[in-house]
Amino acid sequence: MQAAVWLALVALAAAGRLWQPTWNGEPLWHATPLAAVALAAGFLFANPLVAASVPLAALALSNMLLPGYGNLGVAAVVYAATAWPVLLGTCGILGRHRPRWLAVVGGSLATSLVFFVSTNLAHWAFTADYSHTMAGLGECFVAALPFYRWMPVGDAAWTVATFGLIVAARMAAEAAATRRLRPQAVSPRPLD
């Protein structure tokens, strides 16, 4: 069962990265299920390495069909920023057996912010696109704001939907287990 959950999460994140509605060649909202999947993997898998492998595998698979980062330093920061939300789940911040919804949404928003800040800082530090001054750093972040505009909303929506699906699947499994364990009432046969 764990392998099926692992595969389903990787498939969701990879497909969500590859399918982005566009307008004039630009993605409309720059939000994918990757943050939601990283948080869910941390919540669902007890082993942090297994949990971290979910978003990293999805990122690696989808990157095969997407343009490269152009810089190894930027790529390393993107992979790290993608994997860190797993820690929120594995250390129990999101809840142990049932998700704490405020923590789930807060984790999603924190994931968006950390990704935005760390990847743009890496882009400024590891590329020559902006001068390596405070003014250049400011230019880099201002130029990136349109990409961030819908990211927190999209990440929160994906996260709530993903955790809603997890809760629904668990409730269905518990209901099925309860039905199997409860003896069926046998109606007496009428005497002839």
C-alpha atoms as a PDB file:
ATOM      1  CA  MET A   1       0.000   0.000   0.000  1.00  0.00           C
ATOM      2  CA  GLN A   2       2.863   2.409   0.833  1.00  0.00           C
ATOM      3  CA  ALA A   3       4.350   1.879  -2.640  1.00  0.00           C
ATOM      4  CA  ALA A   4       1.011   2.710  -4.280  1.00  0.00           C
ATOM      5  CA  VAL A   5       0.707   5.914  -2.216  1.00  0.00           C
ATOM      6  CA  TRP A   6       4.306   6.841  -3.096  1.00  0.00           C
ATOM      7  CA  LEU A   7       3.645   6.327  -6.821  1.00  0.00           C
ATOM      8  CA  ALA A   8       0.342   8.221  -6.709  1.00  0.00           C
ATOM      9  CA  LEU A   9       1.939  11.235  -5.021  1.00  0.00           C
ATOM     10  CA  VAL A  10       4.882  11.285  -7.446  1.00  0.00           C
ATOM     11  CA  ALA A  11       2.503  11.016 -10.407  1.00  0.00           C
ATOM     12  CA  LEU A  12       0.285  13.824  -9.096  1.00  0.00           C
ATOM     13  CA  ALA A  13       3.217  16.182  -8.529  1.00  0.00           C
ATOM     14  CA  ALA A  14       4.949  15.405 -11.838  1.00  0.00           C
ATOM     15  CA  ALA A  15       1.739  15.694 -13.868  1.00  0.00           C
ATOM     16  CA  GLY A  16       0.821  18.916 -12.082  1.00  0.00           C
ATOM     17  CA  ARG A  17       4.183  20.453 -12.917  1.00  0.00           C
ATOM     18  CA  LEU A  18       3.888  19.463 -16.549  1.00  0.00           C
ATOM     19  CA  TRP A  19       0.286  20.607 -16.940  1.00  0.00           C
ATOM     20  CA  GLN A  20       0.179  24.343 -16.490  1.00  0.00           C
ATOM     21  CA  PRO A  21      -2.513  26.329 -18.302  1.00  0.00           C
ATOM     22  CA  THR A  22      -0.815  29.098 -20.260  1.00  0.00           C
ATOM     23  CA  TRP A  23      -1.725  32.478 -21.640  1.00  0.00           C
ATOM     24  CA  ASN A  24       0.525  33.922 -24.361  1.00  0.00           C
ATOM     25  CA  GLY A  25       3.127  31.273 -23.584  1.00  0.00           C
ATOM     26  CA  GLU A  26       3.321  31.983 -19.832  1.00  0.00           C
ATOM     27  CA  PRO A  27       1.847  29.785 -17.091  1.00  0.00           C
ATOM     28  CA  LEU A  28      -1.235  31.446 -15.638  1.00  0.00           C
ATOM     29  CA  TRP A  29      -0.581  30.965 -11.939  1.00  0.00           C
ATOM     30  CA  HIS A  30       2.767  29.243 -11.388  1.00  0.00           C
ATOM     31  CA  ALA A  31       1.242  26.900  -8.816  1.00  0.00           C
ATOM     32  CA  THR A  32       1.692  23.158  -8.900  1.00  0.00           C
ATOM     33  CA  PRO A  33       0.805  20.326  -6.505  1.00  0.00           C
ATOM     34  CA  LEU A  34       4.501  19.895  -5.638  1.00  0.00           C
ATOM     35  CA  ALA A  35       4.285  21.732  -2.292  1.00  0.00           C
ATOM     36  CA  ALA A  36       1.108  19.852  -1.362  1.00  0.00           C
ATOM     37  CA  VAL A  37       2.717  16.539  -2.242  1.00  0.00           C
ATOM     38  CA  ALA A  38       5.842  17.334  -0.207  1.00  0.00           C
ATOM     39  CA  LEU A  39       3.727  18.197   2.835  1.00  0.00           C
ATOM     40  CA  ALA A  40       1.539  15.108   2.332  1.00  0.00           C
ATOM     41  CA  ALA A  41       4.565  12.840   1.960  1.00  0.00           C
ATOM     42  CA  GLY A  42       5.958  14.129   5.239  1.00  0.00           C
ATOM     43  CA  PHE A  43       2.596  13.510   6.876  1.00  0.00           C
ATOM     44  CA  LEU A  44       2.078  10.019   5.429  1.00  0.00           C
ATOM     45  CA  PHE A  45       5.537   8.412   5.516  1.00  0.00           C
ATOM     46  CA  ALA A  46       7.259   7.810   8.845  1.00  0.00           C
ATOM     47  CA  ASN A  47      10.706   7.535   7.243  1.00  0.00           C
ATOM     48  CA  PRO A  48      11.937  11.053   6.327  1.00  0.00           C
ATOM     49  CA  LEU A  49      14.116   9.729   3.487  1.00  0.00           C
ATOM     50  CA  VAL A  50      11.181   7.935   1.883  1.00  0.00           C
ATOM     51  CA  ALA A  51       9.043  11.039   2.366  1.00  0.00           C
ATOM     52  CA  ALA A  52      11.692  13.330   0.830  1.00  0.00           C
ATOM     53  CA  SER A  53      12.098  10.987  -2.131  1.00  0.00           C
ATOM     54  CA  VAL A  54       8.513  11.735  -3.223  1.00  0.00           C
ATOM     55  CA  PRO A  55       8.864  15.423  -4.186  1.00  0.00           C
ATOM     56  CA  LEU A  56      12.455  14.914  -5.346  1.00  0.00           C
ATOM     57  CA  ALA A  57      11.449  12.066  -7.680  1.00  0.00           C
ATOM     58  CA  ALA A  58       8.540  14.120  -9.029  1.00  0.00           C
ATOM     59  CA  LEU A  59      10.826  17.089  -9.606  1.00  0.00           C
ATOM     60  CA  ALA A  60      13.468  14.960 -11.341  1.00  0.00           C
ATOM     61  CA  LEU A  61      10.906  13.215 -13.572  1.00  0.00           C
ATOM     62  CA  SER A  62       9.137  16.402 -14.628  1.00  0.00           C
ATOM     63  CA  ASN A  63      12.453  18.205 -15.164  1.00  0.00           C
ATOM     64  CA  MET A  64      13.210  15.743 -17.952  1.00  0.00           C
ATOM     65  CA  LEU A  65      10.541  17.494 -20.014  1.00  0.00           C
ATOM     66  CA  LEU A  66      11.043  21.073 -18.794  1.00  0.00           C
ATOM     67  CA  PRO A  67      13.797  23.606 -19.493  1.00  0.00           C
ATOM     68  CA  GLY A  68      16.866  23.311 -17.293  1.00  0.00           C
ATOM     69  CA  TYR A  69      17.883  25.665 -14.502  1.00  0.00           C
ATOM     70  CA  GLY A  70      21.041  26.756 -16.292  1.00  0.00           C
ATOM     71  CA  ASN A  71      23.100  26.616 -13.117  1.00  0.00           C
ATOM     72  CA  LEU A  72      23.970  23.807 -10.709  1.00  0.00           C
ATOM     73  CA  GLY A  73      23.729  26.095  -7.663  1.00  0.00           C
ATOM     74  CA  VAL A  74      20.218  27.210  -8.609  1.00  0.00           C
ATOM     75  CA  ALA A  75      19.208  23.589  -9.258  1.00  0.00           C
ATOM     76  CA  ALA A  76      20.509  22.493  -5.843  1.00  0.00           C
ATOM     77  CA  VAL A  77      18.532  25.247  -4.101  1.00  0.00           C
ATOM     78  CA  VAL A  78      15.367  24.361  -6.060  1.00  0.00           C
ATOM     79  CA  TYR A  79      15.688  20.703  -5.020  1.00  0.00           C
ATOM     80  CA  ALA A  80      16.336  21.653  -1.382  1.00  0.00           C
ATOM     81  CA  ALA A  81      13.423  24.116  -1.334  1.00  0.00           C
ATOM     82  CA  THR A  82      11.207  21.403  -2.796  1.00  0.00           C
ATOM     83  CA  ALA A  83      12.207  18.803  -0.194  1.00  0.00           C
ATOM     84  CA  TRP A  84      12.202  20.854   3.027  1.00  0.00           C
ATOM     85  CA  PRO A  85       8.378  20.868   3.512  1.00  0.00           C
ATOM     86  CA  VAL A  86       8.627  17.135   4.193  1.00  0.00           C
ATOM     87  CA  LEU A  87      10.126  18.077   7.565  1.00  0.00           C
ATOM     88  CA  LEU A  88       6.895  19.812   8.571  1.00  0.00           C
ATOM     89  CA  GLY A  89       5.073  16.526   8.199  1.00  0.00           C
ATOM     90  CA  THR A  90       7.662  14.136   9.569  1.00  0.00           C
ATOM     91  CA  CYS A  91       8.168  16.131  12.780  1.00  0.00           C
ATOM     92  CA  GLY A  92       4.429  16.180  13.480  1.00  0.00           C
ATOM     93  CA  ILE A  93       3.681  19.870  12.969  1.00  0.00           C
ATOM     94  CA  LEU A  94       0.834  18.995  10.593  1.00  0.00           C
ATOM     95  CA  GLY A  95      -0.596  16.428  13.014  1.00  0.00           C
ATOM     96  CA  ARG A  96       0.196  12.799  13.686  1.00  0.00           C
ATOM     97  CA  HIS A  97      -2.864  10.766  12.740  1.00  0.00           C
ATOM     98  CA  ARG A  98      -5.248  13.462  11.570  1.00  0.00           C
ATOM     99  CA  PRO A  99      -4.167  16.692   9.915  1.00  0.00           C
ATOM    100  CA  ARG A 100      -4.467  19.932  11.837  1.00  0.00           C
ATOM    101  CA  TRP A 101      -5.940  22.137   9.134  1.00  0.00           C
ATOM    102  CA  LEU A 102      -4.533  25.446  10.321  1.00  0.00           C
ATOM    103  CA  ALA A 103      -1.046  23.895  10.379  1.00  0.00           C
ATOM    104  CA  VAL A 104      -1.597  22.385   6.929  1.00  0.00           C
ATOM    105  CA  VAL A 105      -2.565  25.738   5.384  1.00  0.00           C
ATOM    106  CA  GLY A 106       0.209  27.530   7.310  1.00  0.00           C
ATOM    107  CA  GLY A 107       2.712  24.932   6.127  1.00  0.00           C
ATOM    108  CA  SER A 108       1.577  25.497   2.563  1.00  0.00           C
ATOM    109  CA  LEU A 109       2.017  29.266   2.831  1.00  0.00           C
ATOM    110  CA  ALA A 110       5.426  28.840   4.481  1.00  0.00           C
ATOM    111  CA  THR A 111       6.436  26.470   1.693  1.00  0.00           C
ATOM    112  CA  SER A 112       5.522  29.058  -0.946  1.00  0.00           C
ATOM    113  CA  LEU A 113       7.402  31.833   0.809  1.00  0.00           C
ATOM    114  CA  VAL A 114      10.552  29.789   1.476  1.00  0.00           C
ATOM    115  CA  PHE A 115      10.600  28.568  -2.124  1.00  0.00           C
ATOM    116  CA  PHE A 116      10.185  32.099  -3.486  1.00  0.00           C
ATOM    117  CA  VAL A 117      12.845  33.657  -1.254  1.00  0.00           C
ATOM    118  CA  SER A 118      15.435  30.869  -1.517  1.00  0.00           C
ATOM    119  CA  THR A 119      15.201  30.279  -5.265  1.00  0.00           C
ATOM    120  CA  ASN A 120      15.302  33.981  -6.111  1.00  0.00           C
ATOM    121  CA  LEU A 121      18.199  34.529  -3.753  1.00  0.00           C
ATOM    122  CA  ALA A 122      19.972  31.618  -5.490  1.00  0.00           C
ATOM    123  CA  HIS A 123      19.191  33.055  -8.917  1.00  0.00           C
ATOM    124  CA  TRP A 124      20.682  36.383  -7.858  1.00  0.00           C
ATOM    125  CA  ALA A 125      23.746  34.760  -6.238  1.00  0.00           C
ATOM    126  CA  PHE A 126      24.569  32.096  -8.861  1.00  0.00           C
ATOM    127  CA  THR A 127      23.787  33.861 -12.139  1.00  0.00           C
ATOM    128  CA  ALA A 128      24.939  37.051 -13.805  1.00  0.00           C
ATOM    129  CA  ASP A 129      21.407  38.257 -14.570  1.00  0.00           C
ATOM    130  CA  TYR A 130      21.511  40.884 -11.799  1.00  0.00           C
ATOM    131  CA  SER A 131      24.376  42.832 -10.269  1.00  0.00           C
ATOM    132  CA  HIS A 132      25.622  41.328  -7.021  1.00  0.00           C
ATOM    133  CA  THR A 133      24.621  44.347  -4.986  1.00  0.00           C
ATOM    134  CA  MET A 134      21.655  45.073  -2.756  1.00  0.00           C
ATOM    135  CA  ALA A 135      20.075  46.979  -5.649  1.00  0.00           C
ATOM    136  CA  GLY A 136      20.544  43.945  -7.884  1.00  0.00           C
ATOM    137  CA  LEU A 137      18.983  41.715  -5.246  1.00  0.00           C
ATOM    138  CA  GLY A 138      16.025  44.078  -5.045  1.00  0.00           C
ATOM    139  CA  GLU A 139      15.659  44.045  -8.843  1.00  0.00           C
ATOM    140  CA  CYS A 140      15.711  40.246  -8.815  1.00  0.00           C
ATOM    141  CA  PHE A 141      12.914  40.008  -6.248  1.00  0.00           C
ATOM    142  CA  VAL A 142      10.803  42.692  -7.923  1.00  0.00           C
ATOM    143  CA  ALA A 143      11.139  40.901 -11.274  1.00  0.00           C
ATOM    144  CA  ALA A 144      10.033  37.643  -9.636  1.00  0.00           C
ATOM    145  CA  LEU A 145       6.902  39.043  -7.965  1.00  0.00           C
ATOM    146  CA  PRO A 146       4.587  38.268 -10.926  1.00  0.00           C
ATOM    147  CA  PHE A 147       5.578  34.601 -10.610  1.00  0.00           C
ATOM    148  CA  TYR A 148       4.753  34.631  -6.903  1.00  0.00           C
ATOM    149  CA  ARG A 149       1.411  36.416  -7.246  1.00  0.00           C
ATOM    150  CA  TRP A 150      -0.769  33.280  -7.341  1.00  0.00           C
ATOM    151  CA  MET A 151       1.686  30.761  -5.905  1.00  0.00           C
ATOM    152  CA  PRO A 152       0.499  30.905  -2.245  1.00  0.00           C
ATOM    153  CA  VAL A 153      -3.154  30.662  -3.273  1.00  0.00           C
ATOM    154  CA  GLY A 154      -2.486  27.789  -5.663  1.00  0.00           C
ATOM    155  CA  ASP A 155      -0.279  25.959  -3.182  1.00  0.00           C
ATOM    156  CA  ALA A 156      -2.903  26.347  -0.439  1.00  0.00           C
ATOM    157  CA  ALA A 157      -5.672  25.103  -2.754  1.00  0.00           C
ATOM    158  CA  TRP A 158      -3.619  22.073  -3.841  1.00  0.00           C
ATOM    159  CA  THR A 159      -2.678  21.346  -0.234  1.00  0.00           C
ATOM    160  CA  VAL A 160      -6.245  21.529   1.090  1.00  0.00           C
ATOM    161  CA  ALA A 161      -7.451  19.338  -1.789  1.00  0.00           C
ATOM    162  CA  THR A 162      -4.656  16.799  -1.272  1.00  0.00           C
ATOM    163  CA  PHE A 163      -5.160  16.563   2.484  1.00  0.00           C
ATOM    164  CA  GLY A 164      -8.937  16.426   1.957  1.00  0.00           C
ATOM    165  CA  LEU A 165      -8.397  13.422  -0.282  1.00  0.00           C
ATOM    166  CA  ILE A 166      -6.151  11.814   2.351  1.00  0.00           C
ATOM    167  CA  VAL A 167      -8.800  12.312   5.047  1.00  0.00           C
ATOM    168  CA  ALA A 168     -11.556  10.968   2.777  1.00  0.00           C
ATOM    169  CA  ALA A 169      -9.477   7.905   1.851  1.00  0.00           C
ATOM    170  CA  ARG A 170      -8.734   7.191   5.516  1.00  0.00           C
ATOM    171  CA  MET A 171     -12.400   7.551   6.472  1.00  0.00           C
ATOM    172  CA  ALA A 172     -13.418   5.190   3.670  1.00  0.00           C
ATOM    173  CA  ALA A 173     -10.780   2.646   4.731  1.00  0.00           C
ATOM    174  CA  GLU A 174     -11.914   2.849   8.375  1.00  0.00           C
ATOM    175  CA  ALA A 175     -15.554   2.444   7.365  1.00  0.00           C
ATOM    176  CA  ALA A 176     -14.702  -0.573   5.217  1.00  0.00           C
ATOM    177  CA  ALA A 177     -12.676  -2.122   8.039  1.00  0.00           C
ATOM    178  CA  THR A 178     -15.525  -1.537  10.499  1.00  0.00           C
ATOM    179  CA  ARG A 179     -18.007  -3.224   8.157  1.00  0.00           C
ATOM    180  CA  ARG A 180     -15.708  -6.237   7.744  1.00  0.00           C
ATOM    181  CA  LEU A 181     -15.190  -6.614  11.482  1.00  0.00           C
ATOM    182  CA  ARG A 182     -18.824  -6.164  12.511  1.00  0.00           C
ATOM    183  CA  PRO A 183     -20.780  -9.418  12.327  1.00  0.00           C
ATOM    184  CA  GLN A 184     -23.654  -9.349   9.910  1.00  0.00           C
ATOM    185  CA  ALA A 185     -27.090  -9.776  11.383  1.00  0.00           C
ATOM    186  CA  VAL A 186     -28.577 -13.049  10.279  1.00  0.00           C
ATOM    187  CA  SER A 187     -32.307 -13.047   9.848  1.00  0.00           C
ATOM    188  CA  PRO A 188     -33.957 -16.222  11.050  1.00  0.00           C
ATOM    189  CA  ARG A 189     -35.341 -18.508   8.389  1.00  0.00           C
ATOM    190  CA  PRO A 190     -39.063 -18.995   8.593  1.00  0.00           C
ATOM    191  CA  LEU A 191     -40.214 -22.482   9.588  1.00  0.00           C
ATOM    192  CA  ASP A 192     -42.301 -24.317   7.076  1.00  0.00           C
END
